[in-house]
C-alpha atoms as a PDB file:
ATOM      1  CA  UNK A   1     102.460  66.571  88.433  1.00  0.00           C
ATOM      2  CA  UNK A   2     101.069  70.878  89.058  1.00  0.00           C
ATOM      3  CA  UNK A   3     100.376  69.594  92.128  1.00  0.00           C
ATOM      4  CA  UNK A   4     103.472  68.308  93.147  1.00  0.00           C
ATOM      5  CA  UNK A   5     105.222  71.173  91.602  1.00  0.00           C
ATOM      6  CA  UNK A   6     102.372  73.666  93.116  1.00  0.00           C
ATOM      7  CA  UNK A   7     104.499  72.046  96.747  1.00  0.00           C
ATOM      8  CA  UNK A   8     107.750  72.264  95.365  1.00  0.00           C
ATOM      9  CA  UNK A   9     107.145  76.378  94.510  1.00  0.00           C
ATOM     10  CA  UNK A  10     105.905  76.680  98.215  1.00  0.00           C
ATOM     11  CA  UNK A  11     108.884  75.240  99.585  1.00  0.00           C
ATOM     12  CA  UNK A  12     111.371  77.277  97.666  1.00  0.00           C
ATOM     13  CA  UNK A  13     110.064  80.675  98.223  1.00  0.00           C
ATOM     14  CA  UNK A  14     109.160  79.501 102.157  1.00  0.00           C
ATOM     15  CA  UNK A  15     113.915  78.716 101.530  1.00  0.00           C
ATOM     16  CA  UNK A  16     114.470  81.780 100.012  1.00  0.00           C
ATOM     17  CA  UNK A  17     114.339  84.474 103.817  1.00  0.00           C
ATOM     18  CA  UNK A  18     113.894  87.847 101.389  1.00  0.00           C
ATOM     19  CA  UNK A  19     111.487  89.400  99.127  1.00  0.00           C
ATOM     20  CA  UNK A  20     111.076  92.298  96.866  1.00  0.00           C
ATOM     21  CA  UNK A  21     108.192  93.564  96.085  1.00  0.00           C
ATOM     22  CA  UNK A  22     106.994  95.713  93.061  1.00  0.00           C
ATOM     23  CA  UNK A  23     104.806  98.464  93.796  1.00  0.00           C
ATOM     24  CA  UNK A  24     103.386 101.406  91.479  1.00  0.00           C
ATOM     25  CA  UNK A  25     103.134 104.539  91.899  1.00  0.00           C
ATOM     26  CA  UNK A  26     101.093 107.486  89.734  1.00  0.00           C
ATOM     27  CA  UNK A  27     104.982 106.907  87.212  1.00  0.00           C
ATOM     28  CA  UNK A  28     107.034 103.856  87.126  1.00  0.00           C
ATOM     29  CA  UNK A  29     107.232 100.408  89.187  1.00  0.00           C
ATOM     30  CA  UNK A  30     108.811 100.401  92.618  1.00  0.00           C
ATOM     31  CA  UNK A  31     111.039  97.635  93.522  1.00  0.00           C
ATOM     32  CA  UNK A  32     112.156  97.168  96.823  1.00  0.00           C
ATOM     33  CA  UNK A  33     113.544  93.733  99.659  1.00  0.00           C
ATOM     34  CA  UNK A  34     111.349  92.777 102.253  1.00  0.00           C
ATOM     35  CA  UNK A  35     111.268  90.118 104.393  1.00  0.00           C
ATOM     36  CA  UNK A  36     108.992  87.858 104.469  1.00  0.00           C
ATOM     37  CA  UNK A  37     106.516  87.223 107.489  1.00  0.00           C
ATOM     38  CA  UNK A  38     104.868  84.506 106.783  1.00  0.00           C
ATOM     39  CA  UNK A  39     103.938  83.229 103.627  1.00  0.00           C
ATOM     40  CA  UNK A  40     100.351  80.818 103.733  1.00  0.00           C
ATOM     41  CA  UNK A  41      99.617  77.059 102.166  1.00  0.00           C
ATOM     42  CA  UNK A  42      97.562  78.923  99.389  1.00  0.00           C
ATOM     43  CA  UNK A  43     100.687  81.748  98.202  1.00  0.00           C
ATOM     44  CA  UNK A  44      99.023  84.266 100.927  1.00  0.00           C
ATOM     45  CA  UNK A  45     101.838  86.144 101.466  1.00  0.00           C
ATOM     46  CA  UNK A  46     102.842  88.291 104.347  1.00  0.00           C
ATOM     47  CA  UNK A  47     104.915  91.457 104.610  1.00  0.00           C
ATOM     48  CA  UNK A  48     105.071  94.379 107.104  1.00  0.00           C
ATOM     49  CA  UNK A  49     106.356  97.853 106.874  1.00  0.00           C
ATOM     50  CA  UNK A  50     105.516 101.069 107.961  1.00  0.00           C
ATOM     51  CA  UNK A  51     101.619 102.893 107.260  1.00  0.00           C
ATOM     52  CA  UNK A  52     104.232 106.550 106.379  1.00  0.00           C
ATOM     53  CA  UNK A  53     106.428 104.177 103.502  1.00  0.00           C
ATOM     54  CA  UNK A  54     106.227 104.673 100.198  1.00  0.00           C
ATOM     55  CA  UNK A  55     104.507 101.684  99.536  1.00  0.00           C
ATOM     56  CA  UNK A  56     102.073 101.414 101.613  1.00  0.00           C
ATOM     57  CA  UNK A  57     100.745 104.854  99.534  1.00  0.00           C
ATOM     58  CA  UNK A  58     101.485 102.700  96.362  1.00  0.00           C
ATOM     59  CA  UNK A  59      99.270 100.133  97.637  1.00  0.00           C
ATOM     60  CA  UNK A  60      96.365 102.560  98.521  1.00  0.00           C
ATOM     61  CA  UNK A  61      96.398 103.559  95.383  1.00  0.00           C
ATOM     62  CA  UNK A  62      96.585 101.040  92.696  1.00  0.00           C
ATOM     63  CA  UNK A  63      96.770  97.187  95.664  1.00  0.00           C
ATOM     64  CA  UNK A  64      98.387  95.348  92.422  1.00  0.00           C
ATOM     65  CA  UNK A  65     101.498  94.340  93.117  1.00  0.00           C
ATOM     66  CA  UNK A  66     104.042  91.019  92.304  1.00  0.00           C
ATOM     67  CA  UNK A  67     106.587  89.319  94.684  1.00  0.00           C
ATOM     68  CA  UNK A  68     109.465  87.498  93.185  1.00  0.00           C
ATOM     69  CA  UNK A  69     111.222  85.114  95.443  1.00  0.00           C
ATOM     70  CA  UNK A  70     114.970  84.166  93.788  1.00  0.00           C
ATOM     71  CA  UNK A  71     118.110  82.255  94.547  1.00  0.00           C
ATOM     72  CA  UNK A  72     119.745  79.657  92.950  1.00  0.00           C
ATOM     73  CA  UNK A  73     118.281  77.649  90.834  1.00  0.00           C
ATOM     74  CA  UNK A  74     115.887  80.146  90.543  1.00  0.00           C
ATOM     75  CA  UNK A  75     112.898  82.088  91.304  1.00  0.00           C
ATOM     76  CA  UNK A  76     108.237  81.939  92.633  1.00  0.00           C
ATOM     77  CA  UNK A  77     106.859  84.839  91.562  1.00  0.00           C
ATOM     78  CA  UNK A  78     102.878  85.249  92.589  1.00  0.00           C
ATOM     79  CA  UNK A  79     100.658  88.336  90.838  1.00  0.00           C
ATOM     80  CA  UNK A  80      98.396  89.478  93.429  1.00  0.00           C
ATOM     81  CA  UNK A  81      96.451  92.064  95.001  1.00  0.00           C
ATOM     82  CA  UNK A  82      97.816  93.256  98.259  1.00  0.00           C
ATOM     83  CA  UNK A  83      95.709  94.424 101.148  1.00  0.00           C
ATOM     84  CA  UNK A  84      96.801  97.065 103.566  1.00  0.00           C
ATOM     85  CA  UNK A  85      96.229  95.472 107.951  1.00  0.00           C
ATOM     86  CA  UNK A  86      96.405  97.082 110.327  1.00  0.00           C
ATOM     87  CA  UNK A  87      94.300  94.600 112.833  1.00  0.00           C
ATOM     88  CA  UNK A  88      94.854  94.899 115.965  1.00  0.00           C
ATOM     89  CA  UNK A  89      94.960  90.848 116.772  1.00  0.00           C
ATOM     90  CA  UNK A  90      96.936  89.984 113.074  1.00  0.00           C
ATOM     91  CA  UNK A  91      99.669  92.231 114.310  1.00  0.00           C
ATOM     92  CA  UNK A  92      99.697  91.724 117.385  1.00  0.00           C
ATOM     93  CA  UNK A  93     100.055  87.549 116.127  1.00  0.00           C
ATOM     94  CA  UNK A  94     102.581  88.741 113.480  1.00  0.00           C
ATOM     95  CA  UNK A  95     104.559  91.286 115.517  1.00  0.00           C
ATOM     96  CA  UNK A  96     108.714  89.922 115.379  1.00  0.00           C
ATOM     97  CA  UNK A  97     111.040  90.993 118.910  1.00  0.00           C
ATOM     98  CA  UNK A  98     112.752  91.886 116.053  1.00  0.00           C
ATOM     99  CA  UNK A  99     111.152  95.000 114.322  1.00  0.00           C
ATOM    100  CA  UNK A 100     112.113  96.917 118.503  1.00  0.00           C
ATOM    101  CA  UNK A 101     113.690  98.974 116.002  1.00  0.00           C
ATOM    102  CA  UNK A 102     111.497  99.703 113.524  1.00  0.00           C
ATOM    103  CA  UNK A 103     108.931 100.549 115.554  1.00  0.00           C
ATOM    104  CA  UNK A 104     109.102 100.331 120.035  1.00  0.00           C
ATOM    105  CA  UNK A 105     105.702  97.046 119.870  1.00  0.00           C
ATOM    106  CA  UNK A 106     102.319  95.806 117.887  1.00  0.00           C
ATOM    107  CA  UNK A 107      99.895  98.691 118.700  1.00  0.00           C
ATOM    108  CA  UNK A 108     102.445 101.142 116.782  1.00  0.00           C
ATOM    109  CA  UNK A 109      99.927 103.106 114.417  1.00  0.00           C
ATOM    110  CA  UNK A 110     102.862 103.069 111.367  1.00  0.00           C
ATOM    111  CA  UNK A 111     103.470  99.102 112.084  1.00  0.00           C
ATOM    112  CA  UNK A 112     100.304  97.642 109.585  1.00  0.00           C
ATOM    113  CA  UNK A 113     101.163  94.312 108.093  1.00  0.00           C
ATOM    114  CA  UNK A 114     100.390  93.744 104.216  1.00  0.00           C
ATOM    115  CA  UNK A 115      98.587  90.865 103.486  1.00  0.00           C
ATOM    116  CA  UNK A 116      99.183  90.293  99.045  1.00  0.00           C
ATOM    117  CA  UNK A 117      96.567  87.611  97.620  1.00  0.00           C
ATOM    118  CA  UNK A 118      97.775  85.673  94.991  1.00  0.00           C
ATOM    119  CA  UNK A 119      95.840  85.739  91.767  1.00  0.00           C
ATOM    120  CA  UNK A 120      98.907  83.166  90.043  1.00  0.00           C
ATOM    121  CA  UNK A 121     101.953  81.987  90.462  1.00  0.00           C
ATOM    122  CA  UNK A 122     104.813  81.136  88.125  1.00  0.00           C
ATOM    123  CA  UNK A 123     107.851  79.228  89.329  1.00  0.00           C
ATOM    124  CA  UNK A 124     111.075  78.532  87.176  1.00  0.00           C
ATOM    125  CA  UNK A 125     113.538  75.569  89.242  1.00  0.00           C
ATOM    126  CA  UNK A 126     116.781  76.072  86.739  1.00  0.00           C
ATOM    127  CA  UNK A 127     118.233  73.099  88.530  1.00  0.00           C
ATOM    128  CA  UNK A 128     115.783  70.698  87.577  1.00  0.00           C
ATOM    129  CA  UNK A 129     114.066  72.133  84.533  1.00  0.00           C
ATOM    130  CA  UNK A 130     110.226  72.190  86.242  1.00  0.00           C
ATOM    131  CA  UNK A 131     108.284  74.540  85.897  1.00  0.00           C
ATOM    132  CA  UNK A 132     104.894  75.659  86.382  1.00  0.00           C
ATOM    133  CA  UNK A 133     103.931  78.319  84.167  1.00  0.00           C
ATOM    134  CA  UNK A 134     100.878  80.815  85.785  1.00  0.00           C
ATOM    135  CA  UNK A 135      98.858  79.022  88.494  1.00  0.00           C
ATOM    136  CA  UNK A 136      95.535  80.349  88.349  1.00  0.00           C
ATOM    137  CA  UNK A 137      94.360  80.648  92.082  1.00  0.00           C
END
């Protein structure tokens, strides 16, 4: 049953085109809406951002993050640790042409990836009443 709910949660998250990423600076949390790049089968979440962004600065100081995928009738939350990835092969692999408005190409040093290593995931589907409370990885 829990494995079925875990798969439902994965499909739910992949069906939502945006996620809200929460990071924390020295004083308070910050949440922003982002497009996700990839969600792996183990709930590893990949995002792209600028190396010069506040979120990258926050993660460098405190890598604990939460990302939430919200849509009717519920949500999936992934709590974990974010890693800043500058590996060129991975940047090339994840690159999307529509990002040319932000960076000229995948070799731009300001283009980085965020890899969120999941520690816990929870899921709520209010339409079915299904809940997956804090799946620990």
